Amino acid sequence: MFNLDSLSIYSYILDYLKVKGLSKYSFWTDGSDQVIEGHFFHTNTGNPVEMGTPFWAYDCTSQQECQQEPLGGEQENCVELGGNRFHYLNDVSCNAYNYVICQDY
């Protein structure tokens, strides 16, 4: 799986998904907080996952109440590019069904 360790990689992936018509699908990244809850790391490198804007999605219950992901606590330990969230990062259950993008090292 790929890691989003820079804005340029993130931008490249977003462009690729748009050009290939894959905007409605969700994809796994290599991010996880399974080792230390609330601290997301790339499983391939051990480096911390970039947090905050512009990477992570917002969860809005109303126009006045929005919180930025990750919000899943102990139930959601893996990171996806959420197709239903315009491919912003979102923490989800590691048992969720998503597609995979491989990264060549």
N, C-alpha and C. Protein backbone atom coordinates (compact mmCIF):
# COMPACT_ATOMS: atom_id res chain seq x y z
N MET A 1 0.84 -1.18 0.00
CA MET A 1 0.00 0.00 0.00
C MET A 1 0.88 1.24 0.00
N PHE A 2 0.29 2.35 -0.35
CA PHE A 2 1.07 3.58 -0.47
C PHE A 2 0.96 4.42 0.79
N ASN A 3 1.94 5.29 0.97
CA ASN A 3 1.84 6.25 2.07
C ASN A 3 1.81 7.66 1.50
N LEU A 4 1.11 8.50 2.20
CA LEU A 4 0.97 9.90 1.80
C LEU A 4 1.89 10.74 2.68
N ASP A 5 3.18 10.67 2.42
CA ASP A 5 4.11 11.39 3.28
C ASP A 5 4.44 12.79 2.77
N SER A 6 3.75 13.23 1.73
CA SER A 6 3.94 14.60 1.26
C SER A 6 2.70 15.05 0.50
N LEU A 7 2.54 16.35 0.43
CA LEU A 7 1.41 16.92 -0.30
C LEU A 7 1.51 16.64 -1.79
N SER A 8 2.73 16.55 -2.32
CA SER A 8 2.89 16.29 -3.75
C SER A 8 2.43 14.87 -4.10
N ILE A 9 2.69 13.89 -3.25
CA ILE A 9 2.21 12.52 -3.49
C ILE A 9 0.69 12.49 -3.39
N TYR A 10 0.16 13.15 -2.38
CA TYR A 10 -1.29 13.21 -2.20
C TYR A 10 -1.95 13.81 -3.44
N SER A 11 -1.43 14.92 -3.92
CA SER A 11 -1.96 15.58 -5.11
C SER A 11 -1.88 14.66 -6.33
N TYR A 12 -0.76 13.98 -6.50
CA TYR A 12 -0.59 13.05 -7.62
C TYR A 12 -1.64 11.93 -7.57
N ILE A 13 -1.86 11.36 -6.40
CA ILE A 13 -2.85 10.28 -6.24
C ILE A 13 -4.25 10.81 -6.56
N LEU A 14 -4.60 11.98 -6.05
CA LEU A 14 -5.93 12.55 -6.33
C LEU A 14 -6.13 12.77 -7.81
N ASP A 15 -5.14 13.32 -8.49
CA ASP A 15 -5.23 13.52 -9.94
C ASP A 15 -5.40 12.20 -10.66
N TYR A 16 -4.63 11.20 -10.27
CA TYR A 16 -4.70 9.88 -10.89
C TYR A 16 -6.11 9.29 -10.75
N LEU A 17 -6.66 9.34 -9.55
CA LEU A 17 -8.00 8.78 -9.32
C LEU A 17 -9.05 9.50 -10.16
N LYS A 18 -8.92 10.82 -10.28
CA LYS A 18 -9.88 11.59 -11.08
C LYS A 18 -9.77 11.22 -12.55
N VAL A 19 -8.56 11.19 -13.10
CA VAL A 19 -8.33 10.88 -14.52
C VAL A 19 -8.82 9.48 -14.86
N LYS A 20 -8.63 8.53 -13.95
CA LYS A 20 -9.01 7.14 -14.19
C LYS A 20 -10.47 6.86 -13.88
N GLY A 21 -11.22 7.87 -13.44
CA GLY A 21 -12.64 7.68 -13.14
C GLY A 21 -12.90 6.87 -11.90
N LEU A 22 -12.02 6.98 -10.92
CA LEU A 22 -12.11 6.17 -9.70
C LEU A 22 -12.55 6.98 -8.49
N SER A 23 -13.17 8.11 -8.72
CA SER A 23 -13.50 9.04 -7.64
C SER A 23 -14.49 8.49 -6.62
N LYS A 24 -15.33 7.55 -7.00
CA LYS A 24 -16.33 7.06 -6.05
C LYS A 24 -15.83 5.93 -5.16
N TYR A 25 -14.61 5.44 -5.41
CA TYR A 25 -14.08 4.31 -4.65
C TYR A 25 -13.19 4.77 -3.51
N SER A 26 -13.15 3.96 -2.46
CA SER A 26 -12.27 4.21 -1.32
C SER A 26 -11.05 3.32 -1.41
N PHE A 27 -9.90 3.84 -0.96
CA PHE A 27 -8.64 3.13 -1.07
C PHE A 27 -7.90 3.15 0.26
N TRP A 28 -7.25 2.03 0.57
CA TRP A 28 -6.42 1.96 1.76
C TRP A 28 -5.13 2.76 1.57
N THR A 29 -4.68 3.37 2.65
CA THR A 29 -3.31 3.88 2.72
C THR A 29 -2.59 2.95 3.70
N ASP A 30 -1.32 3.19 3.95
CA ASP A 30 -0.61 2.35 4.91
C ASP A 30 -0.63 2.93 6.32
N GLY A 31 -1.52 3.90 6.57
CA GLY A 31 -1.60 4.52 7.89
C GLY A 31 -2.40 3.71 8.88
N SER A 32 -1.96 3.73 10.14
CA SER A 32 -2.64 2.99 11.19
C SER A 32 -2.27 3.56 12.56
N ASP A 33 -3.20 3.44 13.50
CA ASP A 33 -2.89 3.77 14.90
C ASP A 33 -3.08 2.54 15.79
N GLN A 34 -2.87 1.37 15.23
CA GLN A 34 -3.04 0.13 15.99
C GLN A 34 -2.00 -0.04 17.09
N VAL A 35 -0.81 0.54 16.91
CA VAL A 35 0.24 0.40 17.92
C VAL A 35 0.00 1.34 19.10
N ILE A 36 -0.25 2.62 18.80
CA ILE A 36 -0.52 3.62 19.84
C ILE A 36 -1.80 4.36 19.44
N GLU A 37 -2.87 4.15 20.16
CA GLU A 37 -4.16 4.76 19.84
C GLU A 37 -4.03 6.28 19.73
N GLY A 38 -4.53 6.81 18.60
CA GLY A 38 -4.52 8.24 18.36
C GLY A 38 -3.25 8.77 17.73
N HIS A 39 -2.26 7.91 17.54
CA HIS A 39 -0.99 8.30 16.91
C HIS A 39 -0.83 7.46 15.65
N PHE A 40 -1.07 8.08 14.50
CA PHE A 40 -1.06 7.37 13.23
C PHE A 40 0.33 7.36 12.62
N PHE A 41 0.76 6.17 12.20
CA PHE A 41 2.06 5.98 11.58
C PHE A 41 1.90 5.23 10.26
N HIS A 42 2.83 5.46 9.33
CA HIS A 42 2.89 4.69 8.10
C HIS A 42 3.50 3.33 8.45
N THR A 43 2.78 2.26 8.14
CA THR A 43 3.28 0.93 8.49
C THR A 43 4.50 0.54 7.67
N ASN A 44 4.66 1.11 6.47
CA ASN A 44 5.81 0.78 5.63
C ASN A 44 7.10 1.43 6.10
N THR A 45 7.00 2.64 6.70
CA THR A 45 8.21 3.38 7.06
C THR A 45 8.35 3.65 8.55
N GLY A 46 7.23 3.61 9.28
CA GLY A 46 7.25 3.97 10.70
C GLY A 46 7.16 5.46 10.94
N ASN A 47 7.11 6.26 9.88
CA ASN A 47 7.00 7.71 10.02
C ASN A 47 5.57 8.10 10.38
N PRO A 48 5.41 9.23 11.10
CA PRO A 48 4.06 9.67 11.44
C PRO A 48 3.27 10.08 10.20
N VAL A 49 1.97 9.82 10.23
CA VAL A 49 1.06 10.27 9.17
C VAL A 49 0.82 11.77 9.38
N GLU A 50 0.85 12.54 8.29
CA GLU A 50 0.53 13.97 8.37
C GLU A 50 -0.89 14.13 8.91
N MET A 51 -1.05 15.03 9.85
CA MET A 51 -2.35 15.25 10.47
C MET A 51 -2.91 16.60 10.03
N GLY A 52 -4.22 16.75 10.20
CA GLY A 52 -4.87 18.03 9.95
C GLY A 52 -5.09 18.33 8.48
N THR A 53 -5.39 19.59 8.22
CA THR A 53 -5.64 20.09 6.88
C THR A 53 -4.33 20.15 6.11
N PRO A 54 -4.28 19.79 4.85
CA PRO A 54 -5.36 19.48 3.92
C PRO A 54 -5.62 17.99 3.77
N PHE A 55 -5.07 17.16 4.64
CA PHE A 55 -5.15 15.72 4.43
C PHE A 55 -6.44 15.07 4.95
N TRP A 56 -6.86 15.44 6.14
CA TRP A 56 -7.94 14.71 6.82
C TRP A 56 -9.31 15.34 6.57
N ALA A 57 -10.32 14.48 6.48
CA ALA A 57 -11.71 14.90 6.26
C ALA A 57 -12.28 15.57 7.50
N TYR A 58 -13.37 16.28 7.28
CA TYR A 58 -14.16 16.84 8.38
C TYR A 58 -15.46 16.06 8.48
N ASP A 59 -15.93 15.87 9.69
CA ASP A 59 -17.21 15.23 9.94
C ASP A 59 -18.13 16.31 10.49
N CYS A 60 -19.16 16.65 9.73
CA CYS A 60 -20.05 17.74 10.12
C CYS A 60 -21.44 17.20 10.39
N THR A 61 -21.91 17.40 11.61
CA THR A 61 -23.28 17.03 11.94
C THR A 61 -24.22 18.17 11.59
N SER A 62 -23.68 19.38 11.49
CA SER A 62 -24.43 20.55 11.05
C SER A 62 -23.40 21.56 10.55
N GLN A 63 -23.86 22.68 10.01
CA GLN A 63 -22.92 23.70 9.54
C GLN A 63 -22.16 24.32 10.71
N GLN A 64 -22.71 24.26 11.89
CA GLN A 64 -22.06 24.85 13.05
C GLN A 64 -21.14 23.87 13.78
N GLU A 65 -21.35 22.58 13.59
CA GLU A 65 -20.56 21.59 14.34
C GLU A 65 -19.80 20.68 13.40
N CYS A 66 -18.51 20.95 13.26
CA CYS A 66 -17.63 20.12 12.45
C CYS A 66 -16.41 19.74 13.27
N GLN A 67 -15.99 18.50 13.11
CA GLN A 67 -14.77 18.02 13.75
C GLN A 67 -13.92 17.37 12.69
N GLN A 68 -12.62 17.55 12.81
CA GLN A 68 -11.73 16.94 11.83
C GLN A 68 -11.37 15.52 12.25
N GLU A 69 -11.38 14.63 11.25
CA GLU A 69 -10.92 13.27 11.47
C GLU A 69 -9.44 13.30 11.85
N PRO A 70 -8.96 12.28 12.52
CA PRO A 70 -9.57 11.00 12.86
C PRO A 70 -10.42 11.09 14.13
N LEU A 71 -11.58 10.44 14.08
CA LEU A 71 -12.52 10.49 15.19
C LEU A 71 -12.96 9.10 15.66
N GLY A 72 -12.43 8.03 15.06
CA GLY A 72 -12.96 6.69 15.29
C GLY A 72 -12.56 6.01 16.57
N GLY A 73 -11.60 6.57 17.30
CA GLY A 73 -11.19 5.94 18.56
C GLY A 73 -10.66 4.54 18.34
N GLU A 74 -10.86 3.68 19.30
CA GLU A 74 -10.32 2.31 19.25
C GLU A 74 -11.02 1.42 18.23
N GLN A 75 -12.15 1.86 17.69
CA GLN A 75 -12.90 1.06 16.73
C GLN A 75 -12.42 1.24 15.30
N GLU A 76 -11.70 2.34 15.03
CA GLU A 76 -11.27 2.66 13.67
C GLU A 76 -9.77 2.95 13.67
N ASN A 77 -8.98 1.96 13.26
CA ASN A 77 -7.53 2.06 13.39
C ASN A 77 -6.76 2.08 12.08
N CYS A 78 -7.46 2.03 10.96
CA CYS A 78 -6.79 2.06 9.66
C CYS A 78 -7.23 3.30 8.89
N VAL A 79 -6.38 3.74 7.96
CA VAL A 79 -6.63 5.00 7.25
C VAL A 79 -6.96 4.73 5.79
N GLU A 80 -8.04 5.34 5.34
CA GLU A 80 -8.47 5.23 3.94
C GLU A 80 -8.50 6.60 3.29
N LEU A 81 -8.45 6.58 1.96
CA LEU A 81 -8.85 7.72 1.16
C LEU A 81 -10.33 7.49 0.87
N GLY A 82 -11.19 8.17 1.58
CA GLY A 82 -12.62 7.88 1.51
C GLY A 82 -13.28 8.42 0.25
N GLY A 83 -13.79 7.54 -0.58
CA GLY A 83 -14.49 7.94 -1.79
C GLY A 83 -15.71 8.80 -1.51
N ASN A 84 -16.36 8.53 -0.39
CA ASN A 84 -17.54 9.32 -0.01
C ASN A 84 -17.13 10.60 0.72
N ARG A 85 -15.84 10.84 0.84
CA ARG A 85 -15.31 12.02 1.51
C ARG A 85 -14.33 12.77 0.62
N PHE A 86 -14.54 12.68 -0.69
CA PHE A 86 -13.72 13.39 -1.68
C PHE A 86 -12.24 13.04 -1.56
N HIS A 87 -11.97 11.83 -1.10
CA HIS A 87 -10.63 11.28 -0.92
C HIS A 87 -9.77 12.01 0.10
N TYR A 88 -10.42 12.62 1.07
CA TYR A 88 -9.68 13.06 2.25
C TYR A 88 -9.46 11.83 3.12
N LEU A 89 -8.47 11.91 4.01
CA LEU A 89 -8.19 10.78 4.88
C LEU A 89 -9.28 10.62 5.92
N ASN A 90 -9.53 9.37 6.27
CA ASN A 90 -10.55 9.04 7.23
C ASN A 90 -10.11 7.76 7.95
N ASP A 91 -10.28 7.71 9.27
CA ASP A 91 -9.98 6.47 9.97
C ASP A 91 -11.23 5.59 9.96
N VAL A 92 -11.03 4.32 9.65
CA VAL A 92 -12.12 3.36 9.55
C VAL A 92 -11.67 2.04 10.18
N SER A 93 -12.63 1.15 10.35
CA SER A 93 -12.31 -0.20 10.82
C SER A 93 -11.38 -0.87 9.82
N CYS A 94 -10.41 -1.58 10.32
CA CYS A 94 -9.47 -2.30 9.45
C CYS A 94 -10.16 -3.45 8.71
N ASN A 95 -11.40 -3.77 9.07
CA ASN A 95 -12.17 -4.81 8.39
C ASN A 95 -13.03 -4.26 7.26
N ALA A 96 -12.97 -2.95 7.03
CA ALA A 96 -13.76 -2.34 5.95
C ALA A 96 -13.26 -2.85 4.60
N TYR A 97 -14.13 -2.79 3.61
CA TYR A 97 -13.76 -3.22 2.26
C TYR A 97 -13.34 -2.00 1.46
N ASN A 98 -12.07 -1.96 1.08
CA ASN A 98 -11.53 -0.88 0.25
C ASN A 98 -10.61 -1.46 -0.80
N TYR A 99 -10.32 -0.65 -1.80
CA TYR A 99 -9.35 -1.05 -2.83
C TYR A 99 -7.95 -0.66 -2.37
N VAL A 100 -6.96 -1.18 -3.08
CA VAL A 100 -5.57 -0.95 -2.72
C VAL A 100 -4.84 -0.31 -3.90
N ILE A 101 -4.00 0.66 -3.61
CA ILE A 101 -3.07 1.23 -4.58
C ILE A 101 -1.68 0.85 -4.11
N CYS A 102 -0.93 0.20 -4.94
CA CYS A 102 0.42 -0.21 -4.55
C CYS A 102 1.42 0.87 -4.91
N GLN A 103 2.44 1.00 -4.10
CA GLN A 103 3.48 1.98 -4.31
C GLN A 103 4.78 1.23 -4.62
N ASP A 104 5.43 1.63 -5.69
CA ASP A 104 6.71 1.03 -6.06
C ASP A 104 7.81 1.72 -5.30
N TYR A 105 8.64 0.94 -4.63
CA TYR A 105 9.75 1.52 -3.85
C TYR A 105 11.02 1.38 -4.58
